[in-house]
């Protein structure tokens, strides 16, 4: 116990403890795990690619489906379709993640046997050919990606719909239609470009949502990423790993916000002109 307290600087005054932790954080040296005794940085680096792949695919899937659906419902003149899609996406967003994950596992894995129940790869992964290994990884990705993407898909659809609804009421959209521009050109080249700023804001807020959601998803599907590592570290009270993952999550959130701010200038020339002034 005394050796462990000395190793973790717990036998020093609080300011010294904090200075030691801060110095390690600035150099990405978070110490060793209390459970496995491995360097925390190595643990996170080993599991990071799986979480990145899961989150990136879920984000792209949600954006690729949600934004076009939101644009289509905003352009639709049928009131019944608009109301029905709004209610559907509201209900979709309201479904608890763990409950949806269990339903997907029960239906697609247990009953139909289309996708694996959990894990990153199958037990016989090493014996498969290269093409079969790729297919095996895709099958294991399917259910976690759907679970992580469905709620964000609903957010993208509702947010892009409301943002576009505000833009299509503007005078320049009416002018474009009066000049004979087609409905597709009006929606994509005029209305959508001016509705990009709220959507970019949503993209910046999506990253923290996906990171927090992946903790639950990875635990349910036993996906060996940093989300599962986070959950297991909390249960084991592995404080060095918990602190490291918390700091990394904060850094990723700040970077996502910074990227969103930079994309403002790319999407809207008015932002660039204002900055030059």
Protein backbone atom coordinates (compact mmCIF):
# COMPACT_ATOMS: atom_id res chain seq x y z
CA UNK A 1 0.00 0.00 0.00
CA UNK A 2 2.79 2.42 0.88
CA UNK A 3 4.64 1.63 -2.36
CA UNK A 4 1.49 2.22 -4.39
CA UNK A 5 0.75 5.50 -2.62
CA UNK A 6 4.33 6.64 -3.31
CA UNK A 7 4.08 5.63 -6.98
CA UNK A 8 0.87 7.65 -7.42
CA UNK A 9 2.18 10.65 -5.45
CA UNK A 10 -0.59 10.22 -2.87
CA UNK A 11 1.90 10.71 -0.04
CA UNK A 12 2.63 14.26 -1.27
CA UNK A 13 0.67 17.49 -0.62
CA UNK A 14 -2.35 18.11 -2.87
CA UNK A 15 -0.68 20.88 -4.94
CA UNK A 16 2.23 18.54 -5.69
CA UNK A 17 -0.19 15.76 -6.65
CA UNK A 18 -2.05 18.03 -9.03
CA UNK A 19 1.16 19.43 -10.55
CA UNK A 20 2.41 15.90 -11.18
CA UNK A 21 -0.89 14.86 -12.80
CA UNK A 22 -1.03 18.01 -14.93
CA UNK A 23 2.55 17.56 -16.13
CA UNK A 24 1.76 13.98 -17.14
CA UNK A 25 -1.44 15.06 -18.89
CA UNK A 26 0.38 17.64 -20.99
CA UNK A 27 2.75 14.91 -22.22
CA UNK A 28 -0.04 12.28 -22.47
CA UNK A 29 1.53 10.25 -19.68
CA UNK A 30 -1.42 9.13 -17.55
CA UNK A 31 0.45 6.59 -15.49
CA UNK A 32 -0.40 2.90 -15.20
CA UNK A 33 -3.71 1.13 -14.86
CA UNK A 34 -4.46 -0.06 -11.33
CA UNK A 35 -5.99 -3.26 -12.73
CA UNK A 36 -3.73 -4.42 -15.56
CA UNK A 37 -0.64 -2.39 -14.53
CA UNK A 38 -0.15 -1.49 -18.21
CA UNK A 39 0.53 2.10 -19.30
CA UNK A 40 -2.81 3.88 -19.71
CA UNK A 41 -1.74 5.46 -23.00
CA UNK A 42 -1.01 2.03 -24.48
CA UNK A 43 -4.37 0.67 -23.31
CA UNK A 44 -6.25 3.54 -24.94
CA UNK A 45 -4.18 3.42 -28.14
CA UNK A 46 -4.92 -0.30 -28.56
CA UNK A 47 -8.67 0.20 -28.29
CA UNK A 48 -9.06 3.62 -29.95
CA UNK A 49 -9.23 2.40 -33.61
CA UNK A 50 -12.30 0.25 -32.91
CA UNK A 51 -14.19 3.11 -31.27
CA UNK A 52 -13.16 5.55 -34.01
CA UNK A 53 -14.38 3.16 -36.71
CA UNK A 54 -17.68 2.61 -34.89
CA UNK A 55 -18.32 6.33 -34.35
CA UNK A 56 -17.24 7.49 -37.82
CA UNK A 57 -19.41 4.93 -39.62
CA UNK A 58 -22.40 5.73 -37.37
CA UNK A 59 -21.94 9.47 -37.94
CA UNK A 60 -21.68 9.12 -41.74
CA UNK A 61 -24.70 6.82 -41.84
CA UNK A 62 -26.81 9.17 -39.73
CA UNK A 63 -25.83 12.22 -41.80
CA UNK A 64 -26.21 10.47 -45.16
CA UNK A 65 -29.77 9.40 -44.33
CA UNK A 66 -30.98 12.06 -41.91
CA UNK A 67 -30.04 15.24 -43.82
CA UNK A 68 -31.60 14.21 -47.19
CA UNK A 69 -34.74 13.00 -45.40
CA UNK A 70 -34.96 16.31 -43.52
CA UNK A 71 -34.57 18.24 -46.77
CA UNK A 72 -37.21 16.11 -48.49
CA UNK A 73 -39.75 16.61 -45.70
CA UNK A 74 -39.04 20.35 -45.60
CA UNK A 75 -39.66 20.59 -49.35
CA UNK A 76 -42.82 18.50 -49.19
CA UNK A 77 -46.07 20.45 -49.48
CA UNK A 78 -48.16 17.61 -48.03
CA UNK A 79 -49.06 18.43 -44.45
CA UNK A 80 -49.86 14.83 -43.50
CA UNK A 81 -46.44 13.55 -44.63
CA UNK A 82 -44.72 16.36 -42.75
CA UNK A 83 -46.56 15.62 -39.52
CA UNK A 84 -46.10 11.85 -39.82
CA UNK A 85 -42.32 12.11 -40.34
CA UNK A 86 -42.01 14.59 -37.46
CA UNK A 87 -43.79 12.24 -35.07
CA UNK A 88 -41.79 9.25 -36.36
CA UNK A 89 -38.41 10.92 -35.83
CA UNK A 90 -39.46 12.23 -32.42
CA UNK A 91 -40.40 8.71 -31.34
CA UNK A 92 -37.21 7.31 -32.85
CA UNK A 93 -35.07 9.75 -30.87
CA UNK A 94 -36.99 8.93 -27.67
CA UNK A 95 -36.16 5.21 -27.73
CA UNK A 96 -33.54 4.24 -25.10
CA UNK A 97 -30.27 3.06 -26.62
CA UNK A 98 -29.85 -0.06 -24.47
CA UNK A 99 -33.43 -1.14 -25.19
CA UNK A 100 -32.99 -0.77 -28.96
CA UNK A 101 -29.71 -2.69 -28.72
CA UNK A 102 -31.42 -5.59 -26.93
CA UNK A 103 -34.26 -5.65 -29.48
CA UNK A 104 -31.82 -5.74 -32.38
CA UNK A 105 -29.85 -8.54 -30.73
CA UNK A 106 -33.01 -10.53 -30.06
CA UNK A 107 -34.43 -10.18 -33.58
CA UNK A 108 -31.41 -10.12 -35.91
CA UNK A 109 -28.93 -12.24 -33.92
CA UNK A 110 -30.98 -14.70 -31.86
CA UNK A 111 -34.05 -15.30 -34.03
CA UNK A 112 -32.81 -14.69 -37.57
CA UNK A 113 -29.11 -15.35 -37.04
CA UNK A 114 -28.14 -12.74 -39.64
CA UNK A 115 -25.63 -10.86 -37.47
CA UNK A 116 -23.40 -11.98 -34.59
CA UNK A 117 -24.66 -11.40 -31.09
CA UNK A 118 -21.64 -9.50 -29.75
CA UNK A 119 -17.89 -9.06 -30.04
CA UNK A 120 -15.54 -7.58 -32.63
CA UNK A 121 -14.73 -10.78 -34.53
CA UNK A 122 -15.81 -14.41 -34.52
CA UNK A 123 -13.96 -17.15 -32.65
CA UNK A 124 -12.66 -18.66 -35.91
CA UNK A 125 -11.54 -15.30 -37.32
CA UNK A 126 -7.91 -16.39 -37.74
CA UNK A 127 -8.96 -19.38 -39.90
CA UNK A 128 -10.99 -17.27 -42.36
CA UNK A 129 -9.76 -15.96 -45.70
CA UNK A 130 -9.07 -12.24 -46.16
CA UNK A 131 -12.44 -11.59 -47.79
CA UNK A 132 -14.25 -13.60 -45.13
CA UNK A 133 -12.44 -11.66 -42.40
CA UNK A 134 -13.65 -8.35 -43.88
CA UNK A 135 -17.21 -9.68 -44.08
CA UNK A 136 -16.97 -10.95 -40.51
CA UNK A 137 -15.93 -7.52 -39.24
CA UNK A 138 -18.74 -5.84 -41.21
CA UNK A 139 -21.30 -8.21 -39.70
CA UNK A 140 -20.03 -7.49 -36.18
CA UNK A 141 -20.18 -3.74 -36.91
CA UNK A 142 -23.75 -3.73 -38.21
CA UNK A 143 -25.81 -3.85 -35.01
CA UNK A 144 -23.60 -1.49 -32.94
CA UNK A 145 -23.57 1.04 -35.79
CA UNK A 146 -27.36 0.93 -36.18
CA UNK A 147 -27.82 1.32 -32.42
CA UNK A 148 -25.46 4.28 -32.30
CA UNK A 149 -26.82 5.95 -35.46
CA UNK A 150 -30.60 5.76 -35.16
CA UNK A 151 -30.98 8.52 -32.57
CA UNK A 152 -28.56 10.83 -34.34
CA UNK A 153 -30.31 10.14 -37.63
CA UNK A 154 -33.52 11.45 -36.11
CA UNK A 155 -31.73 14.56 -34.84
CA UNK A 156 -30.18 15.26 -38.24
CA UNK A 157 -33.56 14.86 -39.97
CA UNK A 158 -35.50 17.08 -37.57
CA UNK A 159 -32.77 19.72 -37.33
CA UNK A 160 -32.16 19.99 -41.09
CA UNK A 161 -35.91 20.11 -41.68
CA UNK A 162 -36.46 22.98 -39.24
CA UNK A 163 -33.38 24.88 -40.51
CA UNK A 164 -34.48 24.53 -44.11
CA UNK A 165 -38.04 25.53 -43.29
CA UNK A 166 -36.74 28.85 -41.99
CA UNK A 167 -34.67 29.47 -45.13
CA UNK A 168 -37.31 28.61 -47.74
CA UNK A 169 -39.53 31.35 -46.35
CA UNK A 170 -36.91 33.98 -47.21
CA UNK A 171 -37.35 36.38 -50.11
CA UNK A 172 -34.31 35.20 -52.09
CA UNK A 173 -35.84 31.69 -52.36
CA UNK A 174 -39.07 33.19 -53.70
CA UNK A 175 -37.01 35.24 -56.17
CA UNK A 176 -35.11 32.15 -57.36
CA UNK A 177 -38.39 30.35 -58.01
CA UNK A 178 -39.81 33.38 -59.79
CA UNK A 179 -36.81 33.43 -62.12
CA UNK A 180 -37.62 29.87 -63.21
CA UNK A 181 -35.09 27.87 -61.18
CA UNK A 182 -36.06 24.24 -60.70
CA UNK A 183 -37.13 22.96 -57.31
CA UNK A 184 -33.98 20.86 -56.96
CA UNK A 185 -31.72 23.82 -57.73
CA UNK A 186 -33.67 26.01 -55.33
CA UNK A 187 -33.41 23.51 -52.48
CA UNK A 188 -29.78 22.45 -52.90
CA UNK A 189 -28.01 25.50 -54.35
CA UNK A 190 -29.92 28.27 -52.63
CA UNK A 191 -31.84 27.09 -49.56
CA UNK A 192 -29.54 24.29 -48.35
CA UNK A 193 -26.36 26.37 -48.55
CA UNK A 194 -27.93 29.05 -46.38
CA UNK A 195 -29.17 26.43 -43.90
CA UNK A 196 -25.71 24.93 -43.47
CA UNK A 197 -24.68 26.95 -40.41
CA UNK A 198 -27.20 25.38 -38.01
CA UNK A 199 -26.39 21.95 -39.44
CA UNK A 200 -22.65 22.53 -38.94
CA UNK A 201 -23.41 23.49 -35.34
CA UNK A 202 -25.25 20.20 -34.96
CA UNK A 203 -22.27 18.31 -36.41
CA UNK A 204 -20.03 19.85 -33.74
CA UNK A 205 -22.44 18.74 -31.03
CA UNK A 206 -22.78 15.24 -32.49
CA UNK A 207 -19.26 14.13 -31.55
CA UNK A 208 -19.76 14.28 -27.74
CA UNK A 209 -23.13 12.55 -28.18
CA UNK A 210 -21.55 9.69 -30.11
CA UNK A 211 -18.70 9.31 -27.63
CA UNK A 212 -21.05 9.13 -24.65
CA UNK A 213 -23.44 6.83 -26.49
CA UNK A 214 -20.67 4.45 -27.49
CA UNK A 215 -20.03 3.68 -23.80
CA UNK A 216 -23.45 2.02 -23.54
CA UNK A 217 -23.34 0.48 -27.01
CA UNK A 218 -19.89 -1.02 -26.56
CA UNK A 219 -20.82 -2.48 -23.19
CA UNK A 220 -24.02 -4.10 -24.52
CA UNK A 221 -22.35 -5.54 -27.62
CA UNK A 222 -19.04 -6.28 -25.85
CA UNK A 223 -17.28 -4.12 -28.44
CA UNK A 224 -13.66 -3.93 -27.33
CA UNK A 225 -13.16 -0.16 -27.62
CA UNK A 226 -12.56 2.76 -25.32
CA UNK A 227 -16.27 2.92 -24.44
CA UNK A 228 -16.12 -0.57 -22.95
CA UNK A 229 -12.79 0.30 -21.35
CA UNK A 230 -14.41 3.40 -19.80
CA UNK A 231 -17.30 1.37 -18.39
CA UNK A 232 -15.08 -1.39 -17.00
CA UNK A 233 -12.70 1.18 -15.47
CA UNK A 234 -15.58 2.86 -13.65
CA UNK A 235 -16.75 -0.48 -12.24
CA UNK A 236 -13.19 -1.39 -11.18
CA UNK A 237 -12.43 2.15 -9.89
CA UNK A 238 -9.40 2.31 -12.16
CA UNK A 239 -8.91 6.04 -11.64
CA UNK A 240 -5.90 6.65 -13.93
CA UNK A 241 -7.82 5.20 -16.90
CA UNK A 242 -10.98 7.12 -15.98
CA UNK A 243 -9.11 10.42 -15.76
CA UNK A 244 -7.28 9.79 -19.03
CA UNK A 245 -10.47 8.98 -20.93
CA UNK A 246 -12.22 12.01 -19.42
CA UNK A 247 -9.42 14.32 -20.55
CA UNK A 248 -9.35 12.78 -24.05
CA UNK A 249 -13.13 13.14 -24.36
CA UNK A 250 -12.87 16.82 -23.39
CA UNK A 251 -10.10 17.39 -25.95
CA UNK A 252 -12.09 15.69 -28.72
CA UNK A 253 -15.15 17.79 -27.84
CA UNK A 254 -13.13 21.01 -28.03
CA UNK A 255 -11.59 19.96 -31.35
CA UNK A 256 -15.04 19.17 -32.77
CA UNK A 257 -16.23 22.63 -31.75
CA UNK A 258 -13.14 24.20 -33.33
CA UNK A 259 -13.70 22.32 -36.60
CA UNK A 260 -17.33 23.47 -36.63
CA UNK A 261 -16.20 27.09 -36.20
CA UNK A 262 -13.73 26.73 -39.08
CA UNK A 263 -16.41 25.20 -41.29
CA UNK A 264 -18.58 28.28 -40.72
CA UNK A 265 -16.11 30.32 -42.76
CA UNK A 266 -16.02 27.69 -45.50
CA UNK A 267 -19.80 27.43 -45.76
CA UNK A 268 -20.74 31.11 -45.43
CA UNK A 269 -18.70 33.91 -47.10
CA UNK A 270 -20.28 36.42 -44.71
CA UNK A 271 -18.35 34.84 -41.83
CA UNK A 272 -15.06 35.25 -43.73
CA UNK A 273 -15.82 38.87 -44.59
CA UNK A 274 -16.74 39.64 -40.99
CA UNK A 275 -13.46 38.09 -39.79
CA UNK A 276 -11.46 40.21 -42.25
CA UNK A 277 -12.98 43.37 -40.88
